[in-house]
């Protein structure tokens, strides 16, 4: 009863403070100095009830700041709410003398920036967690021009890594019975294949051959963190357009998308499917960039689907290859390719080239091997695959299984990857080994088909002819 009374008291305080804020004249736009003062008062508060009210007031001021005032506030956070050098020096000297756990703990505490404690206290407010996520989104938009603000982002990342760890995430299936407020957000946040309208969304949630799962966090309510769309059918998917239109197009396992014909593999019931294809993974909160959810999501969805449909044999993606078209153009511009390849790739400049059978075959013979080289051999400055989607799935323990010619014939598909899409295959018995090899040696696990294509690319680069 006492706990209920205290909770009601805290809620009343927060609601009263919100009511007072709403009564303030709208033309009184605050500046960052007022917010800095509110933050100092919050850090000086020693009562939970008053801290809740002060946190709510500070966040309300932040929401009303102009973009320029927010930038000034972040600058003040960097300077005024950093760790104090004096206590750090004293704690370090004390640790040098005794080198025990207590002195080490005091050194850790002295090194922590005051910003972290400020963020913890701001998190006391109603919807505080979500407001801090949006605050970091604002910060991320400033980092390119103001790299000196990076320490604030480090503090956010440190705290969010704890607040949004796997133990707090809730997996929910999204279907047509999900509240409309959440379905609207699924439409808005879809980042891979745009959802055109409600009919399009309903097709993607079809209980017969579609599944959709999302992670939520109890502190931010019905705001999804990340979601994945799944198509159920027979055979591995090779083209995205039939999936998006509500059909099912796949190939029997083991067939090569580069050589075989695409055949319709429709299913009448979920139990007829042997493959679960992940065709869209969308992160919803920009302010949580860098906080990894996708690897947990895929693994848990595999578990959920395996329990629901134990006959499923294959778990695979149908993934875009963002950046490949740009990389290919750079190779052409830098004249790093032999004249024979340059001549073949010139066909990309012909409008509607994919509808010309002879030209399409010519380009396929050149582009698929180059795509294999790009995905398997091209690395960034950290020695990891250049392609971000490849880094994600390979880091999760998947295998680069197949490169699908004309997998996405939309305008976006041609613009980002010359129409290519890729299958990453998740073999449950191999995931851990692939992950360890990738983490330790940046090894790209790939099928024999992809490996052979990469070899063909090396021959083409030397001007040698291939079959």
Protein backbone atom coordinates (compact mmCIF):
# COMPACT_ATOMS: atom_id res chain seq x y z
CA UNK A 1 0.00 0.00 0.00
CA UNK A 2 2.87 2.42 0.86
CA UNK A 3 4.54 1.72 -2.51
CA UNK A 4 1.29 2.44 -4.32
CA UNK A 5 0.92 5.69 -2.39
CA UNK A 6 4.48 6.77 -3.30
CA UNK A 7 3.98 5.89 -6.95
CA UNK A 8 0.78 7.90 -7.03
CA UNK A 9 2.59 10.80 -5.38
CA UNK A 10 5.38 10.74 -7.99
CA UNK A 11 2.85 10.57 -10.81
CA UNK A 12 0.96 13.56 -9.39
CA UNK A 13 4.15 15.58 -9.13
CA UNK A 14 5.09 14.83 -12.72
CA UNK A 15 1.59 15.58 -14.00
CA UNK A 16 1.41 18.83 -12.05
CA UNK A 17 4.77 19.92 -13.45
CA UNK A 18 3.62 19.11 -16.98
CA UNK A 19 0.44 21.14 -16.42
CA UNK A 20 2.47 24.14 -15.26
CA UNK A 21 4.67 23.90 -18.37
CA UNK A 22 1.64 23.87 -20.64
CA UNK A 23 0.42 27.09 -18.99
CA UNK A 24 3.65 28.91 -19.89
CA UNK A 25 3.25 31.43 -22.73
CA UNK A 26 4.11 29.81 -26.07
CA UNK A 27 6.08 32.85 -27.21
CA UNK A 28 8.62 32.43 -24.40
CA UNK A 29 11.18 30.32 -26.27
CA UNK A 30 13.87 29.12 -23.86
CA UNK A 31 17.59 29.27 -24.53
CA UNK A 32 20.27 26.71 -23.78
CA UNK A 33 21.36 28.62 -20.67
CA UNK A 34 18.02 27.91 -19.01
CA UNK A 35 18.45 24.22 -19.79
CA UNK A 36 21.99 24.17 -18.39
CA UNK A 37 20.69 25.71 -15.16
CA UNK A 38 17.89 23.14 -15.03
CA UNK A 39 20.46 20.36 -15.45
CA UNK A 40 22.57 21.72 -12.59
CA UNK A 41 19.52 21.82 -10.35
CA UNK A 42 18.70 18.26 -11.30
CA UNK A 43 22.20 17.05 -10.37
CA UNK A 44 22.00 18.89 -7.05
CA UNK A 45 18.63 17.36 -6.17
CA UNK A 46 18.69 14.68 -3.46
CA UNK A 47 15.02 13.64 -3.45
CA UNK A 48 13.45 11.17 -5.85
CA UNK A 49 10.15 13.03 -6.16
CA UNK A 50 11.83 16.36 -6.83
CA UNK A 51 14.29 14.72 -9.25
CA UNK A 52 11.42 13.33 -11.31
CA UNK A 53 9.85 16.78 -11.59
CA UNK A 54 13.19 18.47 -12.36
CA UNK A 55 14.03 15.85 -15.03
CA UNK A 56 10.64 16.36 -16.65
CA UNK A 57 11.13 20.14 -16.66
CA UNK A 58 14.63 19.89 -18.17
CA UNK A 59 13.49 17.61 -20.98
CA UNK A 60 10.55 19.91 -21.72
CA UNK A 61 12.95 22.85 -22.09
CA UNK A 62 15.14 20.81 -24.44
CA UNK A 63 12.18 19.93 -26.66
CA UNK A 64 11.44 23.64 -27.17
CA UNK A 65 15.00 24.68 -28.06
CA UNK A 66 15.80 25.76 -31.59
CA UNK A 67 18.39 23.77 -33.58
CA UNK A 68 21.04 26.42 -32.87
CA UNK A 69 20.28 26.41 -29.13
CA UNK A 70 20.48 22.60 -29.05
CA UNK A 71 23.91 22.81 -30.64
CA UNK A 72 24.98 25.33 -27.98
CA UNK A 73 23.60 23.07 -25.26
CA UNK A 74 25.67 20.14 -26.49
CA UNK A 75 28.75 22.35 -26.48
CA UNK A 76 28.04 23.23 -22.83
CA UNK A 77 27.56 19.54 -22.04
CA UNK A 78 31.03 18.85 -23.41
CA UNK A 79 32.68 21.60 -21.39
CA UNK A 80 30.63 21.98 -18.18
CA UNK A 81 29.61 18.39 -17.50
CA UNK A 82 32.88 16.57 -18.12
CA UNK A 83 34.83 14.75 -15.41
CA UNK A 84 36.70 16.98 -12.96
CA UNK A 85 40.51 16.62 -13.41
CA UNK A 86 41.23 17.33 -9.72
CA UNK A 87 39.44 14.29 -8.26
CA UNK A 88 40.83 12.14 -11.07
CA UNK A 89 44.40 13.10 -10.20
CA UNK A 90 43.80 12.53 -6.48
CA UNK A 91 42.14 9.17 -7.06
CA UNK A 92 44.95 8.08 -9.38
CA UNK A 93 47.64 8.97 -6.86
CA UNK A 94 45.72 7.10 -4.14
CA UNK A 95 45.49 4.04 -6.38
CA UNK A 96 49.24 4.14 -7.10
CA UNK A 97 49.90 3.90 -3.36
CA UNK A 98 47.69 0.94 -2.43
CA UNK A 99 46.47 -0.60 -5.73
CA UNK A 100 43.43 -2.22 -4.10
CA UNK A 101 39.89 -2.67 -5.39
CA UNK A 102 38.47 0.17 -3.33
CA UNK A 103 40.92 2.74 -4.66
CA UNK A 104 40.38 1.42 -8.18
CA UNK A 105 36.62 1.85 -7.79
CA UNK A 106 37.09 5.43 -6.59
CA UNK A 107 39.26 6.08 -9.66
CA UNK A 108 36.53 4.71 -11.93
CA UNK A 109 33.95 6.94 -10.25
CA UNK A 110 36.18 10.01 -10.57
CA UNK A 111 36.74 9.36 -14.29
CA UNK A 112 33.04 9.17 -15.10
CA UNK A 113 31.81 12.38 -16.79
CA UNK A 114 29.06 14.19 -14.91
CA UNK A 115 27.02 13.92 -18.13
CA UNK A 116 26.40 10.24 -17.47
CA UNK A 117 24.84 10.92 -14.10
CA UNK A 118 22.84 13.75 -15.70
CA UNK A 119 21.46 11.35 -18.33
CA UNK A 120 20.59 8.80 -15.65
CA UNK A 121 18.60 11.44 -13.79
CA UNK A 122 16.89 12.71 -16.94
CA UNK A 123 15.85 9.13 -17.47
CA UNK A 124 13.69 9.36 -14.33
CA UNK A 125 11.11 11.47 -16.17
CA UNK A 126 8.08 9.93 -17.76
CA UNK A 127 9.14 8.92 -21.31
CA UNK A 128 12.66 9.97 -20.32
CA UNK A 129 14.31 7.06 -22.11
CA UNK A 130 12.64 7.84 -25.42
CA UNK A 131 13.38 11.55 -25.08
CA UNK A 132 17.07 10.74 -24.54
CA UNK A 133 17.05 8.54 -27.64
CA UNK A 134 15.67 11.48 -29.63
CA UNK A 135 18.26 13.77 -28.02
CA UNK A 136 21.02 11.49 -29.28
CA UNK A 137 19.43 11.55 -32.74
CA UNK A 138 19.84 15.34 -32.70
CA UNK A 139 23.45 14.92 -31.57
CA UNK A 140 24.28 12.45 -34.36
CA UNK A 141 23.15 15.02 -36.88
CA UNK A 142 25.79 17.44 -35.57
CA UNK A 143 28.81 15.17 -35.27
CA UNK A 144 30.07 15.50 -38.84
CA UNK A 145 30.40 19.27 -38.52
CA UNK A 146 31.22 19.27 -34.79
CA UNK A 147 33.41 16.24 -34.05
CA UNK A 148 34.33 17.74 -30.68
CA UNK A 149 30.90 16.58 -29.47
CA UNK A 150 31.92 12.92 -29.85
CA UNK A 151 32.51 12.41 -26.08
CA UNK A 152 28.78 13.04 -25.50
CA UNK A 153 27.94 10.36 -28.03
CA UNK A 154 30.32 7.99 -26.25
CA UNK A 155 28.38 8.60 -23.03
CA UNK A 156 25.05 7.93 -24.74
CA UNK A 157 26.39 4.74 -26.34
CA UNK A 158 27.76 3.52 -23.00
CA UNK A 159 24.44 4.03 -21.20
CA UNK A 160 22.22 2.79 -24.04
CA UNK A 161 24.32 -0.35 -24.30
CA UNK A 162 23.18 -1.19 -20.76
CA UNK A 163 19.64 0.13 -20.94
CA UNK A 164 18.88 -1.68 -24.21
CA UNK A 165 20.67 -4.96 -23.61
CA UNK A 166 19.07 -8.20 -24.73
CA UNK A 167 17.55 -8.91 -21.30
CA UNK A 168 15.19 -5.92 -21.62
CA UNK A 169 14.06 -6.50 -25.21
CA UNK A 170 10.63 -7.97 -25.91
CA UNK A 171 9.98 -9.85 -29.15
CA UNK A 172 6.47 -9.41 -30.54
CA UNK A 173 4.90 -10.73 -33.71
CA UNK A 174 3.33 -8.03 -35.87
CA UNK A 175 0.16 -9.06 -37.69
CA UNK A 176 -3.03 -7.48 -38.96
CA UNK A 177 -4.48 -7.53 -35.42
CA UNK A 178 -1.61 -5.44 -34.04
CA UNK A 179 -2.81 -1.96 -32.91
CA UNK A 180 -3.01 0.52 -35.76
CA UNK A 181 -0.64 2.92 -33.99
CA UNK A 182 2.14 0.32 -34.27
CA UNK A 183 1.23 -0.66 -37.85
CA UNK A 184 1.51 2.99 -38.88
CA UNK A 185 5.05 3.03 -37.48
CA UNK A 186 5.96 -0.14 -39.36
CA UNK A 187 4.93 1.63 -42.58
CA UNK A 188 6.90 4.72 -41.65
CA UNK A 189 10.07 2.97 -40.47
CA UNK A 190 10.39 0.42 -43.32
CA UNK A 191 13.83 1.27 -44.71
CA UNK A 192 14.60 -1.50 -47.21
CA UNK A 193 11.50 -1.89 -49.40
CA UNK A 194 9.04 0.99 -49.01
CA UNK A 195 5.52 0.00 -47.98
CA UNK A 196 3.23 1.72 -50.44
CA UNK A 197 -0.08 1.66 -48.55
CA UNK A 198 -2.24 -0.34 -46.14
CA UNK A 199 -2.96 -2.98 -48.76
CA UNK A 200 0.76 -3.46 -49.28
CA UNK A 201 1.25 -3.80 -45.53
CA UNK A 202 -1.56 -6.36 -45.29
CA UNK A 203 0.11 -8.50 -47.97
CA UNK A 204 3.32 -8.48 -45.96
CA UNK A 205 1.48 -9.63 -42.84
CA UNK A 206 -0.43 -12.45 -44.56
CA UNK A 207 -0.71 -15.31 -42.04
CA UNK A 208 -0.35 -17.87 -44.84
CA UNK A 209 3.14 -17.11 -46.10
CA UNK A 210 4.40 -14.02 -44.24
CA UNK A 211 5.69 -13.22 -40.77
CA UNK A 212 6.87 -10.01 -39.15
CA UNK A 213 8.60 -9.68 -35.78
CA UNK A 214 9.79 -6.63 -33.85
CA UNK A 215 11.78 -5.85 -30.74
CA UNK A 216 10.24 -3.46 -28.20
CA UNK A 217 11.58 -2.00 -24.95
CA UNK A 218 9.34 -1.50 -21.90
CA UNK A 219 10.64 2.02 -21.32
CA UNK A 220 9.53 3.36 -24.71
CA UNK A 221 6.15 1.68 -25.09
CA UNK A 222 4.84 0.99 -28.57
CA UNK A 223 7.87 2.40 -30.41
CA UNK A 224 9.55 -0.53 -32.23
CA UNK A 225 13.34 -0.68 -32.10
CA UNK A 226 13.86 -2.96 -35.10
CA UNK A 227 11.70 -5.32 -37.13
CA UNK A 228 12.19 -8.07 -39.68
CA UNK A 229 9.89 -9.21 -42.49
CA UNK A 230 9.84 -12.89 -43.43
CA UNK A 231 8.48 -14.76 -46.47
CA UNK A 232 7.67 -18.47 -46.19
CA UNK A 233 7.87 -20.63 -49.31
CA UNK A 234 9.55 -23.55 -51.02
CA UNK A 235 13.09 -22.98 -52.21
CA UNK A 236 15.43 -20.05 -51.72
CA UNK A 237 14.18 -16.66 -52.94
CA UNK A 238 16.03 -15.04 -55.80
CA UNK A 239 13.91 -12.02 -56.73
CA UNK A 240 12.25 -9.46 -54.51
CA UNK A 241 9.46 -8.21 -56.81
CA UNK A 242 7.34 -11.40 -56.60
CA UNK A 243 7.64 -11.32 -52.81
CA UNK A 244 6.57 -7.69 -52.59
CA UNK A 245 3.65 -8.27 -54.95
CA UNK A 246 2.35 -11.14 -52.83
CA UNK A 247 3.60 -13.99 -54.98
CA UNK A 248 6.37 -16.47 -54.14
CA UNK A 249 9.28 -16.94 -56.48
CA UNK A 250 12.12 -19.22 -55.56
CA UNK A 251 14.34 -22.04 -56.63
CA UNK A 252 14.97 -25.47 -55.28
CA UNK A 253 17.84 -25.50 -52.82
CA UNK A 254 21.16 -25.94 -54.56
CA UNK A 255 20.13 -24.41 -57.90
CA UNK A 256 22.12 -21.47 -59.14
CA UNK A 257 20.25 -18.23 -59.66
CA UNK A 258 22.81 -17.30 -62.26
CA UNK A 259 22.00 -20.19 -64.55
CA UNK A 260 18.61 -21.75 -63.74
CA UNK A 261 15.15 -20.48 -64.57
CA UNK A 262 13.06 -18.86 -61.89
CA UNK A 263 9.96 -20.88 -61.11
CA UNK A 264 6.97 -20.03 -58.98
CA UNK A 265 7.00 -21.92 -55.69
CA UNK A 266 3.73 -20.90 -54.07
CA UNK A 267 2.53 -22.49 -50.84
CA UNK A 268 -1.06 -23.11 -49.82
CA UNK A 269 -0.38 -23.43 -46.08
CA UNK A 270 2.56 -22.43 -43.83
CA UNK A 271 3.25 -26.12 -43.24
CA UNK A 272 4.09 -26.48 -46.96
CA UNK A 273 7.09 -24.16 -46.67
CA UNK A 274 10.66 -25.39 -46.27
CA UNK A 275 12.33 -21.96 -46.26
CA UNK A 276 12.06 -18.81 -44.15
CA UNK A 277 13.43 -15.83 -46.06
CA UNK A 278 14.31 -12.60 -44.25
CA UNK A 279 13.74 -9.93 -46.90
CA UNK A 280 13.70 -6.73 -44.87
CA UNK A 281 15.36 -5.68 -41.60
CA UNK A 282 14.70 -2.08 -40.53
CA UNK A 283 16.16 -0.18 -37.59
CA UNK A 284 13.55 2.25 -36.33
CA UNK A 285 15.34 4.61 -33.94
CA UNK A 286 18.16 6.71 -35.36
CA UNK A 287 19.14 7.64 -31.81
CA UNK A 288 20.04 3.98 -31.15
CA UNK A 289 22.48 3.75 -34.03
CA UNK A 290 25.37 1.46 -33.14
CA UNK A 291 23.36 -0.42 -30.50
CA UNK A 292 23.16 -3.92 -31.92
CA UNK A 293 19.72 -5.53 -32.07
CA UNK A 294 19.74 -7.27 -35.43
CA UNK A 295 21.85 -10.27 -34.45
CA UNK A 296 19.61 -11.01 -31.45
CA UNK A 297 16.51 -10.47 -33.56
CA UNK A 298 17.45 -12.91 -36.32
CA UNK A 299 18.50 -15.64 -33.90
CA UNK A 300 15.34 -15.34 -31.81
CA UNK A 301 13.10 -15.23 -34.88
CA UNK A 302 14.78 -18.41 -36.12
CA UNK A 303 13.89 -20.01 -32.78
CA UNK A 304 10.30 -18.76 -32.94
CA UNK A 305 9.79 -20.00 -36.49
CA UNK A 306 11.43 -23.34 -35.74
CA UNK A 307 8.97 -23.90 -32.92
CA UNK A 308 5.95 -22.83 -34.98
CA UNK A 309 7.00 -24.61 -38.19
CA UNK A 310 9.43 -27.42 -37.34
CA UNK A 311 9.55 -28.58 -40.98
CA UNK A 312 11.53 -25.48 -42.00
CA UNK A 313 14.98 -26.48 -43.25
CA UNK A 314 16.53 -23.26 -44.50
CA UNK A 315 16.84 -19.78 -43.01
CA UNK A 316 18.10 -17.32 -45.57
CA UNK A 317 18.03 -13.64 -46.44
CA UNK A 318 17.24 -11.87 -49.66
CA UNK A 319 19.47 -8.88 -49.13
CA UNK A 320 20.29 -5.69 -51.05
CA UNK A 321 23.88 -4.82 -51.98
CA UNK A 322 24.06 -1.07 -51.28
CA UNK A 323 27.21 0.55 -52.59
CA UNK A 324 28.01 -2.04 -55.25
CA UNK A 325 26.95 0.14 -58.21
CA UNK A 326 29.06 3.01 -56.85
CA UNK A 327 32.07 0.70 -56.40
CA UNK A 328 31.59 -0.65 -59.92
CA UNK A 329 31.50 2.87 -61.34
CA UNK A 330 34.69 3.74 -59.45
CA UNK A 331 36.44 0.76 -61.02
CA UNK A 332 35.39 1.98 -64.46
CA UNK A 333 36.36 5.59 -63.74
CA UNK A 334 39.79 4.61 -62.41
CA UNK A 335 40.40 2.45 -65.47
CA UNK A 336 41.35 -0.47 -63.25
CA UNK A 337 39.52 -2.93 -65.47
CA UNK A 338 40.82 -4.38 -68.74
CA UNK A 339 39.41 -3.01 -71.99
CA UNK A 340 37.30 -6.12 -72.57
CA UNK A 341 35.47 -5.60 -69.27
CA UNK A 342 35.10 -1.89 -69.92
CA UNK A 343 33.46 -2.73 -73.23
CA UNK A 344 31.09 -5.23 -71.60
CA UNK A 345 30.09 -2.85 -68.81
CA UNK A 346 29.38 -0.02 -71.23
CA UNK A 347 26.04 -1.72 -71.74
CA UNK A 348 24.96 -0.36 -68.32
CA UNK A 349 24.59 3.03 -70.02
CA UNK A 350 21.82 1.69 -72.27
CA UNK A 351 18.34 2.50 -70.87
CA UNK A 352 16.31 -0.65 -70.21
CA UNK A 353 19.33 -2.90 -70.79
CA UNK A 354 17.79 -5.69 -68.71
CA UNK A 355 15.04 -6.07 -71.32
CA UNK A 356 17.56 -6.73 -74.10
CA UNK A 357 18.37 -10.45 -73.83
CA UNK A 358 21.77 -10.30 -75.54
CA UNK A 359 22.87 -7.23 -73.60
CA UNK A 360 21.58 -8.69 -70.35
CA UNK A 361 23.61 -11.90 -70.86
CA UNK A 362 26.71 -9.88 -71.67
CA UNK A 363 26.39 -7.82 -68.50
CA UNK A 364 25.57 -10.84 -66.34
CA UNK A 365 28.79 -12.55 -67.40
CA UNK A 366 30.77 -9.50 -66.28
CA UNK A 367 28.88 -8.21 -63.27
CA UNK A 368 28.20 -11.34 -61.19
CA UNK A 369 31.92 -12.21 -60.88
CA UNK A 370 32.75 -8.60 -60.02
CA UNK A 371 30.03 -8.66 -57.36
CA UNK A 372 31.61 -11.76 -55.83
CA UNK A 373 34.98 -10.01 -55.78
CA UNK A 374 33.39 -6.94 -54.17
CA UNK A 375 31.66 -8.94 -51.43
CA UNK A 376 34.45 -11.42 -50.69
CA UNK A 377 37.70 -9.53 -51.29
CA UNK A 378 37.11 -5.78 -51.06
CA UNK A 379 37.80 -4.60 -47.47
CA UNK A 380 37.52 -1.37 -45.51
CA UNK A 381 40.28 0.20 -43.42
CA UNK A 382 39.49 -2.22 -40.58
CA UNK A 383 40.06 -5.23 -42.81
CA UNK A 384 36.35 -6.11 -42.90
CA UNK A 385 34.09 -6.45 -45.98
CA UNK A 386 33.42 -3.13 -47.65
CA UNK A 387 29.70 -3.80 -47.90
CA UNK A 388 27.75 -2.95 -44.68
CA UNK A 389 25.04 -5.59 -45.21
CA UNK A 390 27.74 -8.23 -45.70
CA UNK A 391 29.43 -7.14 -42.47
CA UNK A 392 26.15 -7.49 -40.59
CA UNK A 393 25.21 -10.98 -41.75
CA UNK A 394 28.73 -12.42 -41.86
CA UNK A 395 29.32 -11.05 -38.37
CA UNK A 396 26.19 -12.91 -37.26
CA UNK A 397 27.61 -16.19 -38.58
CA UNK A 398 25.84 -16.42 -41.93
CA UNK A 399 27.33 -17.70 -45.19
CA UNK A 400 27.43 -15.64 -48.38
CA UNK A 401 25.51 -18.22 -50.36
CA UNK A 402 24.37 -16.83 -53.70
CA UNK A 403 24.44 -13.75 -55.91
CA UNK A 404 21.08 -13.28 -57.63
CA UNK A 405 21.13 -11.70 -61.07
CA UNK A 406 18.29 -9.20 -61.56
CA UNK A 407 17.09 -9.89 -58.04
CA UNK A 408 15.74 -6.33 -57.74
CA UNK A 409 14.63 -4.64 -60.95
CA UNK A 410 13.24 -1.56 -59.24
CA UNK A 411 14.79 1.85 -59.85
CA UNK A 412 16.41 1.66 -56.42
CA UNK A 413 17.74 -1.84 -57.11
CA UNK A 414 19.46 -0.74 -60.31
CA UNK A 415 20.78 2.44 -58.73
CA UNK A 416 22.41 0.79 -55.71
CA UNK A 417 23.45 -2.61 -57.06
CA UNK A 418 22.88 -2.93 -60.83
CA UNK A 419 19.83 -5.05 -59.98
CA UNK A 420 21.69 -7.61 -57.85
CA UNK A 421 20.54 -9.17 -54.58
CA UNK A 422 22.29 -11.67 -52.32
CA UNK A 423 21.30 -14.69 -50.25
CA UNK A 424 23.00 -15.04 -46.87
CA UNK A 425 22.35 -18.52 -45.49
CA UNK A 426 22.06 -19.20 -41.76
CA UNK A 427 23.03 -22.84 -41.11
CA UNK A 428 22.39 -23.37 -37.40
CA UNK A 429 25.26 -25.82 -36.94
CA UNK A 430 27.73 -23.45 -38.64
CA UNK A 431 26.77 -20.08 -37.16
CA UNK A 432 29.14 -20.16 -34.20
CA UNK A 433 32.13 -21.33 -36.26
CA UNK A 434 31.50 -18.77 -38.99
CA UNK A 435 31.14 -16.01 -36.41
CA UNK A 436 34.39 -16.93 -34.66
CA UNK A 437 36.34 -17.13 -37.94
CA UNK A 438 34.94 -13.78 -39.05
CA UNK A 439 35.69 -12.11 -35.72
CA UNK A 440 39.21 -13.53 -35.36
CA UNK A 441 40.40 -13.53 -38.98
CA UNK A 442 37.76 -11.56 -40.96
CA UNK A 443 37.10 -14.77 -42.90
CA UNK A 444 34.19 -14.51 -45.32
CA UNK A 445 32.22 -17.77 -45.22
CA UNK A 446 30.89 -18.36 -48.72
CA UNK A 447 29.55 -21.12 -50.94
CA UNK A 448 31.55 -22.82 -53.67
CA UNK A 449 29.45 -20.97 -56.24
CA UNK A 450 30.44 -17.55 -54.86
CA UNK A 451 34.06 -18.63 -54.46
CA UNK A 452 34.16 -19.74 -58.09
CA UNK A 453 32.69 -16.42 -59.20
CA UNK A 454 35.41 -14.56 -57.28
CA UNK A 455 38.05 -16.66 -59.07
CA UNK A 456 36.40 -15.82 -62.38
CA UNK A 457 36.62 -12.12 -61.48
CA UNK A 458 40.37 -12.42 -60.99
CA UNK A 459 40.73 -13.94 -64.46
CA UNK A 460 38.57 -11.25 -66.00
CA UNK A 461 40.72 -8.59 -64.28
CA UNK A 462 43.73 -10.05 -66.10
CA UNK A 463 41.94 -9.92 -69.41
CA UNK A 464 41.54 -13.70 -69.55
CA UNK A 465 38.40 -15.19 -71.06
CA UNK A 466 36.14 -17.40 -68.94
CA UNK A 467 33.35 -19.78 -69.73
